[in-house]
PDB file of N, CA and C in Angstrom:
ATOM      1  N   UNK A   1     136.799  74.296  63.457  1.00  0.00           N
ATOM      2  CA  UNK A   1     136.224  74.540  64.778  1.00  0.00           C
ATOM      3  C   UNK A   1     135.779  76.090  64.739  1.00  0.00           C
ATOM      4  N   UNK A   2     134.918  76.502  65.530  1.00  0.00           N
ATOM      5  CA  UNK A   2     134.336  78.141  65.110  1.00  0.00           C
ATOM      6  C   UNK A   2     134.393  78.219  66.933  1.00  0.00           C
ATOM      7  N   UNK A   3     135.052  79.634  66.768  1.00  0.00           N
ATOM      8  CA  UNK A   3     135.340  80.179  67.977  1.00  0.00           C
ATOM      9  C   UNK A   3     134.732  81.560  68.223  1.00  0.00           C
ATOM     10  N   UNK A   4     134.695  82.268  69.561  1.00  0.00           N
ATOM     11  CA  UNK A   4     133.841  83.631  69.987  1.00  0.00           C
ATOM     12  C   UNK A   4     135.153  84.181  70.609  1.00  0.00           C
ATOM     13  N   UNK A   5     135.683  85.215  70.025  1.00  0.00           N
ATOM     14  CA  UNK A   5     136.601  86.025  70.991  1.00  0.00           C
ATOM     15  C   UNK A   5     135.983  87.166  71.394  1.00  0.00           C
ATOM     16  N   UNK A   6     135.999  87.410  72.480  1.00  0.00           N
ATOM     17  CA  UNK A   6     135.340  88.705  73.511  1.00  0.00           C
ATOM     18  C   UNK A   6     135.881  89.833  72.624  1.00  0.00           C
ATOM     19  N   UNK A   7     135.171  91.011  72.182  1.00  0.00           N
ATOM     20  CA  UNK A   7     135.990  92.148  71.589  1.00  0.00           C
ATOM     21  C   UNK A   7     135.677  93.175  72.680  1.00  0.00           C
ATOM     22  N   UNK A   8     136.839  94.115  72.548  1.00  0.00           N
ATOM     23  CA  UNK A   8     136.777  95.311  73.409  1.00  0.00           C
ATOM     24  C   UNK A   8     135.563  96.148  72.645  1.00  0.00           C
ATOM     25  N   UNK A   9     135.031  97.164  73.548  1.00  0.00           N
ATOM     26  CA  UNK A   9     133.876  98.100  73.277  1.00  0.00           C
ATOM     27  C   UNK A   9     134.207  98.757  72.244  1.00  0.00           C
ATOM     28  N   UNK A  10     135.172  99.452  71.781  1.00  0.00           N
ATOM     29  CA  UNK A  10     135.523 100.286  70.887  1.00  0.00           C
ATOM     30  C   UNK A  10     136.836 100.198  69.915  1.00  0.00           C
ATOM     31  N   UNK A  11     137.260  98.763  69.979  1.00  0.00           N
ATOM     32  CA  UNK A  11     138.366  98.440  69.145  1.00  0.00           C
ATOM     33  C   UNK A  11     138.241  96.741  68.923  1.00  0.00           C
ATOM     34  N   UNK A  12     138.263  96.456  67.752  1.00  0.00           N
ATOM     35  CA  UNK A  12     138.040  95.081  67.175  1.00  0.00           C
ATOM     36  C   UNK A  12     139.505  94.535  67.189  1.00  0.00           C
ATOM     37  N   UNK A  13     140.614  95.291  67.712  1.00  0.00           N
ATOM     38  CA  UNK A  13     141.891  94.482  67.496  1.00  0.00           C
ATOM     39  C   UNK A  13     142.280  94.085  69.231  1.00  0.00           C
ATOM     40  N   UNK A  14     141.436  94.468  69.989  1.00  0.00           N
ATOM     41  CA  UNK A  14     141.722  94.294  71.411  1.00  0.00           C
ATOM     42  C   UNK A  14     140.561  93.141  72.023  1.00  0.00           C
ATOM     43  N   UNK A  15     141.009  92.102  72.901  1.00  0.00           N
ATOM     44  CA  UNK A  15     140.225  91.316  73.719  1.00  0.00           C
ATOM     45  C   UNK A  15     139.550  92.232  74.862  1.00  0.00           C
ATOM     46  N   UNK A  16     138.329  92.123  74.985  1.00  0.00           N
ATOM     47  CA  UNK A  16     137.708  92.396  76.010  1.00  0.00           C
ATOM     48  C   UNK A  16     138.415  92.300  77.383  1.00  0.00           C
ATOM     49  N   UNK A  17     138.616  93.230  78.230  1.00  0.00           N
ATOM     50  CA  UNK A  17     139.516  93.134  79.264  1.00  0.00           C
ATOM     51  C   UNK A  17     138.545  92.397  80.575  1.00  0.00           C
ATOM     52  N   UNK A  18     137.667  92.196  80.466  1.00  0.00           N
ATOM     53  CA  UNK A  18     136.471  91.938  81.584  1.00  0.00           C
ATOM     54  C   UNK A  18     136.331  90.482  81.374  1.00  0.00           C
ATOM     55  N   UNK A  19     135.184  89.935  82.204  1.00  0.00           N
ATOM     56  CA  UNK A  19     134.474  88.920  82.168  1.00  0.00           C
ATOM     57  C   UNK A  19     134.024  88.323  80.620  1.00  0.00           C
ATOM     58  N   UNK A  20     134.226  87.541  79.991  1.00  0.00           N
ATOM     59  CA  UNK A  20     133.692  87.135  78.756  1.00  0.00           C
ATOM     60  C   UNK A  20     131.887  87.379  78.861  1.00  0.00           C
ATOM     61  N   UNK A  21     131.494  87.179  79.553  1.00  0.00           N
ATOM     62  CA  UNK A  21     129.781  87.415  79.409  1.00  0.00           C
ATOM     63  C   UNK A  21     129.592  88.742  79.478  1.00  0.00           C
ATOM     64  N   UNK A  22     130.533  89.474  79.701  1.00  0.00           N
ATOM     65  CA  UNK A  22     130.057  91.068  79.636  1.00  0.00           C
ATOM     66  C   UNK A  22     130.365  92.039  78.755  1.00  0.00           C
ATOM     67  N   UNK A  23     131.460  91.099  77.629  1.00  0.00           N
ATOM     68  CA  UNK A  23     131.756  91.680  76.452  1.00  0.00           C
ATOM     69  C   UNK A  23     130.586  92.194  75.477  1.00  0.00           C
ATOM     70  N   UNK A  24     130.992  93.100  75.122  1.00  0.00           N
ATOM     71  CA  UNK A  24     130.031  93.750  74.236  1.00  0.00           C
ATOM     72  C   UNK A  24     129.559  93.332  73.010  1.00  0.00           C
ATOM     73  N   UNK A  25     130.941  92.488  72.559  1.00  0.00           N
ATOM     74  CA  UNK A  25     130.890  92.057  70.973  1.00  0.00           C
ATOM     75  C   UNK A  25     131.575  90.922  71.309  1.00  0.00           C
ATOM     76  N   UNK A  26     131.172  89.996  70.098  1.00  0.00           N
ATOM     77  CA  UNK A  26     132.292  88.547  70.212  1.00  0.00           C
ATOM     78  C   UNK A  26     132.652  88.596  68.461  1.00  0.00           C
ATOM     79  N   UNK A  27     133.750  88.454  68.117  1.00  0.00           N
ATOM     80  CA  UNK A  27     134.232  88.264  66.891  1.00  0.00           C
ATOM     81  C   UNK A  27     133.979  86.686  66.651  1.00  0.00           C
ATOM     82  N   UNK A  28     133.286  86.445  65.694  1.00  0.00           N
ATOM     83  CA  UNK A  28     133.484  84.671  65.437  1.00  0.00           C
ATOM     84  C   UNK A  28     134.471  84.463  64.255  1.00  0.00           C
ATOM     85  N   UNK A  29     135.212  83.448  64.753  1.00  0.00           N
ATOM     86  CA  UNK A  29     136.075  82.865  63.509  1.00  0.00           C
ATOM     87  C   UNK A  29     135.691  81.307  63.418  1.00  0.00           C
ATOM     88  N   UNK A  30     136.347  81.200  62.185  1.00  0.00           N
ATOM     89  CA  UNK A  30     136.367  79.535  62.019  1.00  0.00           C
ATOM     90  C   UNK A  30     138.134  79.442  61.749  1.00  0.00           C
ATOM     91  N   UNK A  31     137.960  78.319  62.605  1.00  0.00           N
ATOM     92  CA  UNK A  31     139.546  78.081  62.375  1.00  0.00           C
ATOM     93  C   UNK A  31     139.346  76.234  61.824  1.00  0.00           C
ATOM     94  N   UNK A  32     140.335  76.677  60.779  1.00  0.00           N
ATOM     95  CA  UNK A  32     140.259  75.287  59.687  1.00  0.00           C
ATOM     96  C   UNK A  32     141.534  74.482  59.763  1.00  0.00           C
ATOM     97  N   UNK A  33     141.818  73.593  59.402  1.00  0.00           N
ATOM     98  CA  UNK A  33     143.229  72.840  59.548  1.00  0.00           C
ATOM     99  C   UNK A  33     144.344  73.634  58.746  1.00  0.00           C
ATOM    100  N   UNK A  34     145.496  73.319  59.647  1.00  0.00           N
ATOM    101  CA  UNK A  34     146.773  73.981  59.395  1.00  0.00           C
ATOM    102  C   UNK A  34     146.491  75.393  60.073  1.00  0.00           C
ATOM    103  N   UNK A  35     145.744  75.731  60.817  1.00  0.00           N
ATOM    104  CA  UNK A  35     145.514  77.209  61.279  1.00  0.00           C
ATOM    105  C   UNK A  35     145.038  78.386  60.496  1.00  0.00           C
ATOM    106  N   UNK A  36     144.398  78.063  59.407  1.00  0.00           N
ATOM    107  CA  UNK A  36     143.821  79.092  58.815  1.00  0.00           C
ATOM    108  C   UNK A  36     142.556  79.376  59.510  1.00  0.00           C
ATOM    109  N   UNK A  37     142.523  80.628  59.741  1.00  0.00           N
ATOM    110  CA  UNK A  37     141.749  81.386  60.493  1.00  0.00           C
ATOM    111  C   UNK A  37     140.656  82.526  60.041  1.00  0.00           C
ATOM    112  N   UNK A  38     139.447  82.230  59.518  1.00  0.00           N
ATOM    113  CA  UNK A  38     138.534  83.401  58.939  1.00  0.00           C
ATOM    114  C   UNK A  38     137.401  83.774  59.818  1.00  0.00           C
ATOM    115  N   UNK A  39     137.595  85.284  59.527  1.00  0.00           N
ATOM    116  CA  UNK A  39     136.354  85.937  60.293  1.00  0.00           C
ATOM    117  C   UNK A  39     134.960  85.876  59.895  1.00  0.00           C
ATOM    118  N   UNK A  40     134.225  85.374  60.413  1.00  0.00           N
ATOM    119  CA  UNK A  40     132.790  85.364  59.870  1.00  0.00           C
ATOM    120  C   UNK A  40     131.881  86.235  60.124  1.00  0.00           C
ATOM    121  N   UNK A  41     132.138  86.677  61.682  1.00  0.00           N
ATOM    122  CA  UNK A  41     130.809  87.999  61.481  1.00  0.00           C
ATOM    123  C   UNK A  41     131.406  88.097  62.920  1.00  0.00           C
ATOM    124  N   UNK A  42     131.039  89.920  63.226  1.00  0.00           N
ATOM    125  CA  UNK A  42     130.804  90.133  64.463  1.00  0.00           C
ATOM    126  C   UNK A  42     129.467  90.101  65.007  1.00  0.00           C
ATOM    127  N   UNK A  43     129.487  89.563  66.225  1.00  0.00           N
ATOM    128  CA  UNK A  43     128.028  89.251  66.998  1.00  0.00           C
ATOM    129  C   UNK A  43     128.123  90.112  68.139  1.00  0.00           C
ATOM    130  N   UNK A  44     126.927  91.197  68.155  1.00  0.00           N
ATOM    131  CA  UNK A  44     126.238  91.831  69.347  1.00  0.00           C
ATOM    132  C   UNK A  44     125.966  90.997  70.519  1.00  0.00           C
ATOM    133  N   UNK A  45     126.362  91.452  71.693  1.00  0.00           N
ATOM    134  CA  UNK A  45     126.083  90.827  73.087  1.00  0.00           C
ATOM    135  C   UNK A  45     125.060  91.660  73.739  1.00  0.00           C
ATOM    136  N   UNK A  46     123.659  91.205  73.099  1.00  0.00           N
ATOM    137  CA  UNK A  46     122.482  92.010  74.124  1.00  0.00           C
ATOM    138  C   UNK A  46     122.323  91.530  75.626  1.00  0.00           C
ATOM    139  N   UNK A  47     123.294  90.525  76.180  1.00  0.00           N
ATOM    140  CA  UNK A  47     122.974  90.512  77.231  1.00  0.00           C
ATOM    141  C   UNK A  47     124.390  90.839  78.321  1.00  0.00           C
ATOM    142  N   UNK A  48     125.324  91.645  78.169  1.00  0.00           N
ATOM    143  CA  UNK A  48     126.323  91.911  78.266  1.00  0.00           C
ATOM    144  C   UNK A  48     126.144  92.712  79.644  1.00  0.00           C
ATOM    145  N   UNK A  49     125.246  93.406  79.961  1.00  0.00           N
ATOM    146  CA  UNK A  49     125.032  94.233  81.324  1.00  0.00           C
ATOM    147  C   UNK A  49     124.332  93.095  82.170  1.00  0.00           C
ATOM    148  N   UNK A  50     123.543  92.370  81.705  1.00  0.00           N
ATOM    149  CA  UNK A  50     122.730  91.283  82.581  1.00  0.00           C
ATOM    150  C   UNK A  50     123.603  90.672  83.509  1.00  0.00           C
ATOM    151  N   UNK A  51     122.760  90.283  84.531  1.00  0.00           N
ATOM    152  CA  UNK A  51     123.744  89.480  85.889  1.00  0.00           C
ATOM    153  C   UNK A  51     122.482  88.321  86.126  1.00  0.00           C
ATOM    154  N   UNK A  52     123.176  87.626  86.311  1.00  0.00           N
ATOM    155  CA  UNK A  52     122.269  86.448  86.953  1.00  0.00           C
ATOM    156  C   UNK A  52     121.084  85.864  85.935  1.00  0.00           C
ATOM    157  N   UNK A  53     120.226  85.441  86.895  1.00  0.00           N
ATOM    158  CA  UNK A  53     118.837  85.152  86.140  1.00  0.00           C
ATOM    159  C   UNK A  53     118.880  84.085  84.884  1.00  0.00           C
ATOM    160  N   UNK A  54     118.548  84.670  83.788  1.00  0.00           N
ATOM    161  CA  UNK A  54     118.654  83.624  82.412  1.00  0.00           C
ATOM    162  C   UNK A  54     119.877  83.848  81.798  1.00  0.00           C
ATOM    163  N   UNK A  55     120.760  84.892  82.420  1.00  0.00           N
ATOM    164  CA  UNK A  55     122.020  84.997  81.411  1.00  0.00           C
ATOM    165  C   UNK A  55     122.685  83.824  80.911  1.00  0.00           C
ATOM    166  N   UNK A  56     123.028  82.793  81.786  1.00  0.00           N
ATOM    167  CA  UNK A  56     123.529  81.778  81.159  1.00  0.00           C
ATOM    168  C   UNK A  56     122.716  81.119  79.926  1.00  0.00           C
ATOM    169  N   UNK A  57     121.679  81.099  80.315  1.00  0.00           N
ATOM    170  CA  UNK A  57     121.047  80.268  79.222  1.00  0.00           C
ATOM    171  C   UNK A  57     120.973  80.968  77.876  1.00  0.00           C
ATOM    172  N   UNK A  58     120.826  82.235  77.954  1.00  0.00           N
ATOM    173  CA  UNK A  58     120.470  83.227  76.859  1.00  0.00           C
ATOM    174  C   UNK A  58     122.098  83.213  76.156  1.00  0.00           C
ATOM    175  N   UNK A  59     123.157  83.138  76.867  1.00  0.00           N
ATOM    176  CA  UNK A  59     124.720  83.337  76.289  1.00  0.00           C
ATOM    177  C   UNK A  59     124.675  82.251  75.575  1.00  0.00           C
ATOM    178  N   UNK A  60     124.564  80.700  76.415  1.00  0.00           N
ATOM    179  CA  UNK A  60     124.293  79.593  75.516  1.00  0.00           C
ATOM    180  C   UNK A  60     123.575  79.618  74.266  1.00  0.00           C
ATOM    181  N   UNK A  61     122.524  80.155  74.112  1.00  0.00           N
ATOM    182  CA  UNK A  61     121.585  80.450  72.911  1.00  0.00           C
ATOM    183  C   UNK A  61     122.577  81.213  71.584  1.00  0.00           C
ATOM    184  N   UNK A  62     123.025  82.144  72.366  1.00  0.00           N
ATOM    185  CA  UNK A  62     123.800  83.126  71.781  1.00  0.00           C
ATOM    186  C   UNK A  62     124.860  82.594  70.811  1.00  0.00           C
ATOM    187  N   UNK A  63     125.565  81.866  71.687  1.00  0.00           N
ATOM    188  CA  UNK A  63     126.776  81.111  70.838  1.00  0.00           C
ATOM    189  C   UNK A  63     126.737  79.919  70.845  1.00  0.00           C
ATOM    190  N   UNK A  64     125.298  79.398  70.633  1.00  0.00           N
ATOM    191  CA  UNK A  64     125.274  77.809  70.506  1.00  0.00           C
ATOM    192  C   UNK A  64     125.962  77.033  69.486  1.00  0.00           C
ATOM    193  N   UNK A  65     126.330  77.820  68.195  1.00  0.00           N
ATOM    194  CA  UNK A  65     127.362  77.586  67.132  1.00  0.00           C
ATOM    195  C   UNK A  65     128.990  77.535  67.189  1.00  0.00           C
ATOM    196  N   UNK A  66     129.339  77.709  68.786  1.00  0.00           N
ATOM    197  CA  UNK A  66     130.780  78.204  68.842  1.00  0.00           C
ATOM    198  C   UNK A  66     131.122  76.718  69.813  1.00  0.00           C
ATOM    199  N   UNK A  67     132.443  76.597  69.342  1.00  0.00           N
ATOM    200  CA  UNK A  67     133.023  75.402  69.809  1.00  0.00           C
ATOM    201  C   UNK A  67     133.812  75.902  71.169  1.00  0.00           C
ATOM    202  N   UNK A  68     134.878  76.876  70.908  1.00  0.00           N
ATOM    203  CA  UNK A  68     135.487  77.422  71.699  1.00  0.00           C
ATOM    204  C   UNK A  68     135.364  78.962  72.121  1.00  0.00           C
ATOM    205  N   UNK A  69     135.267  79.090  73.635  1.00  0.00           N
ATOM    206  CA  UNK A  69     135.150  80.518  73.807  1.00  0.00           C
ATOM    207  C   UNK A  69     136.579  81.248  74.298  1.00  0.00           C
ATOM    208  N   UNK A  70     136.883  82.441  73.673  1.00  0.00           N
ATOM    209  CA  UNK A  70     138.360  83.069  73.992  1.00  0.00           C
ATOM    210  C   UNK A  70     137.889  84.182  74.697  1.00  0.00           C
ATOM    211  N   UNK A  71     138.629  84.519  75.796  1.00  0.00           N
ATOM    212  CA  UNK A  71     138.606  86.002  76.449  1.00  0.00           C
ATOM    213  C   UNK A  71     139.355  86.214  77.424  1.00  0.00           C
ATOM    214  N   UNK A  72     139.793  87.448  77.825  1.00  0.00           N
ATOM    215  CA  UNK A  72     140.637  87.562  78.949  1.00  0.00           C
ATOM    216  C   UNK A  72     140.578  86.982  80.213  1.00  0.00           C
ATOM    217  N   UNK A  73     139.335  86.883  80.644  1.00  0.00           N
ATOM    218  CA  UNK A  73     139.087  86.136  81.686  1.00  0.00           C
ATOM    219  C   UNK A  73     137.733  85.614  81.818  1.00  0.00           C
ATOM    220  N   UNK A  74     137.336  84.741  82.550  1.00  0.00           N
ATOM    221  CA  UNK A  74     135.914  84.440  82.817  1.00  0.00           C
ATOM    222  C   UNK A  74     135.617  84.203  84.379  1.00  0.00           C
ATOM    223  N   UNK A  75     134.561  84.698  84.584  1.00  0.00           N
ATOM    224  CA  UNK A  75     133.737  84.638  85.643  1.00  0.00           C
ATOM    225  C   UNK A  75     133.527  83.473  86.408  1.00  0.00           C
ATOM    226  N   UNK A  76     132.934  83.352  87.516  1.00  0.00           N
ATOM    227  CA  UNK A  76     132.581  82.338  88.444  1.00  0.00           C
ATOM    228  C   UNK A  76     131.490  81.435  87.498  1.00  0.00           C
ATOM    229  N   UNK A  77     130.615  81.939  86.911  1.00  0.00           N
ATOM    230  CA  UNK A  77     129.549  81.483  86.126  1.00  0.00           C
ATOM    231  C   UNK A  77     130.047  80.651  85.113  1.00  0.00           C
ATOM    232  N   UNK A  78     131.239  81.229  84.505  1.00  0.00           N
ATOM    233  CA  UNK A  78     131.712  80.452  83.285  1.00  0.00           C
ATOM    234  C   UNK A  78     132.471  79.141  83.704  1.00  0.00           C
ATOM    235  N   UNK A  79     132.489  78.375  84.807  1.00  0.00           N
ATOM    236  CA  UNK A  79     132.914  77.021  84.826  1.00  0.00           C
ATOM    237  C   UNK A  79     132.150  76.341  84.039  1.00  0.00           C
ATOM    238  N   UNK A  80     132.883  75.234  83.348  1.00  0.00           N
ATOM    239  CA  UNK A  80     132.128  73.948  82.692  1.00  0.00           C
ATOM    240  C   UNK A  80     131.093  73.693  83.061  1.00  0.00           C
ATOM    241  N   UNK A  81     131.062  73.608  84.703  1.00  0.00           N
ATOM    242  CA  UNK A  81     130.060  72.676  85.503  1.00  0.00           C
ATOM    243  C   UNK A  81     128.873  73.957  85.546  1.00  0.00           C
ATOM    244  N   UNK A  82     129.012  74.815  85.894  1.00  0.00           N
ATOM    245  CA  UNK A  82     128.048  75.667  86.141  1.00  0.00           C
ATOM    246  C   UNK A  82     127.531  76.326  84.986  1.00  0.00           C
ATOM    247  N   UNK A  83     128.347  76.384  83.669  1.00  0.00           N
ATOM    248  CA  UNK A  83     127.861  77.124  82.589  1.00  0.00           C
ATOM    249  C   UNK A  83     128.191  76.222  81.425  1.00  0.00           C
ATOM    250  N   UNK A  84     127.967  74.926  81.280  1.00  0.00           N
ATOM    251  CA  UNK A  84     128.425  74.109  80.299  1.00  0.00           C
ATOM    252  C   UNK A  84     127.764  74.958  78.755  1.00  0.00           C
ATOM    253  N   UNK A  85     128.847  75.123  77.946  1.00  0.00           N
ATOM    254  CA  UNK A  85     128.663  75.733  76.686  1.00  0.00           C
ATOM    255  C   UNK A  85     129.531  75.163  75.658  1.00  0.00           C
ATOM    256  N   UNK A  86     130.663  75.332  76.064  1.00  0.00           N
ATOM    257  CA  UNK A  86     131.456  75.302  74.936  1.00  0.00           C
ATOM    258  C   UNK A  86     133.200  75.265  75.720  1.00  0.00           C
ATOM    259  N   UNK A  87     134.190  74.831  75.127  1.00  0.00           N
ATOM    260  CA  UNK A  87     135.627  75.029  75.538  1.00  0.00           C
ATOM    261  C   UNK A  87     135.865  76.140  75.695  1.00  0.00           C
ATOM    262  N   UNK A  88     136.728  76.904  76.627  1.00  0.00           N
ATOM    263  CA  UNK A  88     136.946  78.102  77.097  1.00  0.00           C
ATOM    264  C   UNK A  88     138.738  78.145  77.128  1.00  0.00           C
ATOM    265  N   UNK A  89     139.177  79.301  76.321  1.00  0.00           N
ATOM    266  CA  UNK A  89     140.585  79.604  76.457  1.00  0.00           C
ATOM    267  C   UNK A  89     140.652  80.900  77.057  1.00  0.00           C
ATOM    268  N   UNK A  90     141.475  81.055  78.480  1.00  0.00           N
ATOM    269  CA  UNK A  90     141.553  82.578  78.747  1.00  0.00           C
ATOM    270  C   UNK A  90     142.783  82.903  78.533  1.00  0.00           C
ATOM    271  N   UNK A  91     142.969  83.937  77.667  1.00  0.00           N
ATOM    272  CA  UNK A  91     144.261  84.744  77.207  1.00  0.00           C
ATOM    273  C   UNK A  91     144.798  85.958  77.809  1.00  0.00           C
ATOM    274  N   UNK A  92     144.188  86.487  78.820  1.00  0.00           N
ATOM    275  CA  UNK A  92     144.595  87.707  79.445  1.00  0.00           C
ATOM    276  C   UNK A  92     143.807  88.811  78.409  1.00  0.00           C
ATOM    277  N   UNK A  93     144.428  90.258  78.775  1.00  0.00           N
ATOM    278  CA  UNK A  93     143.956  91.332  78.004  1.00  0.00           C
ATOM    279  C   UNK A  93     144.880  91.606  76.852  1.00  0.00           C
ATOM    280  N   UNK A  94     144.972  90.980  76.177  1.00  0.00           N
ATOM    281  CA  UNK A  94     145.475  91.012  74.683  1.00  0.00           C
ATOM    282  C   UNK A  94     145.355  91.251  73.613  1.00  0.00           C
ATOM    283  N   UNK A  95     145.769  91.407  72.351  1.00  0.00           N
ATOM    284  CA  UNK A  95     145.296  91.708  71.076  1.00  0.00           C
ATOM    285  C   UNK A  95     144.580  90.489  70.739  1.00  0.00           C
ATOM    286  N   UNK A  96     143.812  90.844  69.792  1.00  0.00           N
ATOM    287  CA  UNK A  96     143.010  89.643  68.760  1.00  0.00           C
ATOM    288  C   UNK A  96     143.936  88.847  68.462  1.00  0.00           C
ATOM    289  N   UNK A  97     145.314  89.499  67.735  1.00  0.00           N
ATOM    290  CA  UNK A  97     146.124  88.719  66.916  1.00  0.00           C
ATOM    291  C   UNK A  97     147.117  87.703  67.992  1.00  0.00           C
ATOM    292  N   UNK A  98     146.984  88.086  69.045  1.00  0.00           N
ATOM    293  CA  UNK A  98     147.960  87.361  70.081  1.00  0.00           C
ATOM    294  C   UNK A  98     146.944  86.300  70.694  1.00  0.00           C
ATOM    295  N   UNK A  99     145.410  86.414  70.721  1.00  0.00           N
ATOM    296  CA  UNK A  99     144.730  85.461  71.017  1.00  0.00           C
ATOM    297  C   UNK A  99     144.328  84.436  69.989  1.00  0.00           C
ATOM    298  N   UNK A 100     144.447  85.040  68.713  1.00  0.00           N
ATOM    299  CA  UNK A 100     144.537  83.708  67.919  1.00  0.00           C
ATOM    300  C   UNK A 100     145.664  82.820  67.702  1.00  0.00           C
ATOM    301  N   UNK A 101     146.510  83.573  68.136  1.00  0.00           N
ATOM    302  CA  UNK A 101     148.119  82.616  68.091  1.00  0.00           C
ATOM    303  C   UNK A 101     147.945  81.649  69.179  1.00  0.00           C
ATOM    304  N   UNK A 102     147.319  81.985  70.272  1.00  0.00           N
ATOM    305  CA  UNK A 102     147.120  81.150  71.390  1.00  0.00           C
ATOM    306  C   UNK A 102     145.964  79.932  71.201  1.00  0.00           C
ATOM    307  N   UNK A 103     145.106  80.333  70.436  1.00  0.00           N
ATOM    308  CA  UNK A 103     144.320  79.449  69.983  1.00  0.00           C
ATOM    309  C   UNK A 103     145.053  78.154  68.899  1.00  0.00           C
ATOM    310  N   UNK A 104     145.976  78.806  67.718  1.00  0.00           N
ATOM    311  CA  UNK A 104     146.404  77.841  67.180  1.00  0.00           C
ATOM    312  C   UNK A 104     147.691  77.194  68.032  1.00  0.00           C
ATOM    313  N   UNK A 105     148.355  77.495  69.024  1.00  0.00           N
ATOM    314  CA  UNK A 105     148.993  76.697  69.686  1.00  0.00           C
ATOM    315  C   UNK A 105     148.419  75.557  70.621  1.00  0.00           C
ATOM    316  N   UNK A 106     147.203  75.587  70.583  1.00  0.00           N
ATOM    317  CA  UNK A 106     146.659  74.766  71.685  1.00  0.00           C
ATOM    318  C   UNK A 106     146.764  72.934  70.958  1.00  0.00           C
TER     319      UNK A 106
END
């Protein structure tokens, strides 16, 4: 399973505290059987400041290879009906390590 964790602006160890779609970057991880997690890349979010319009479509394309979105919170546009892209896990403003533990516990 591939996941995208919303990263804080200047700290790769913290989940971005705002809505998932406004995160400046995403850490893309591969989660394998038995909970092994490998960082594949850190992907910039060129749509972070964008509001409405084509944002949802562009975000789906940006994260089309992701099965689970992990963030502190999700805005109203992140609902599965309005913005079907992948499953999501709301973890609050925690460290990335804590977020990954919550993914493993699912």
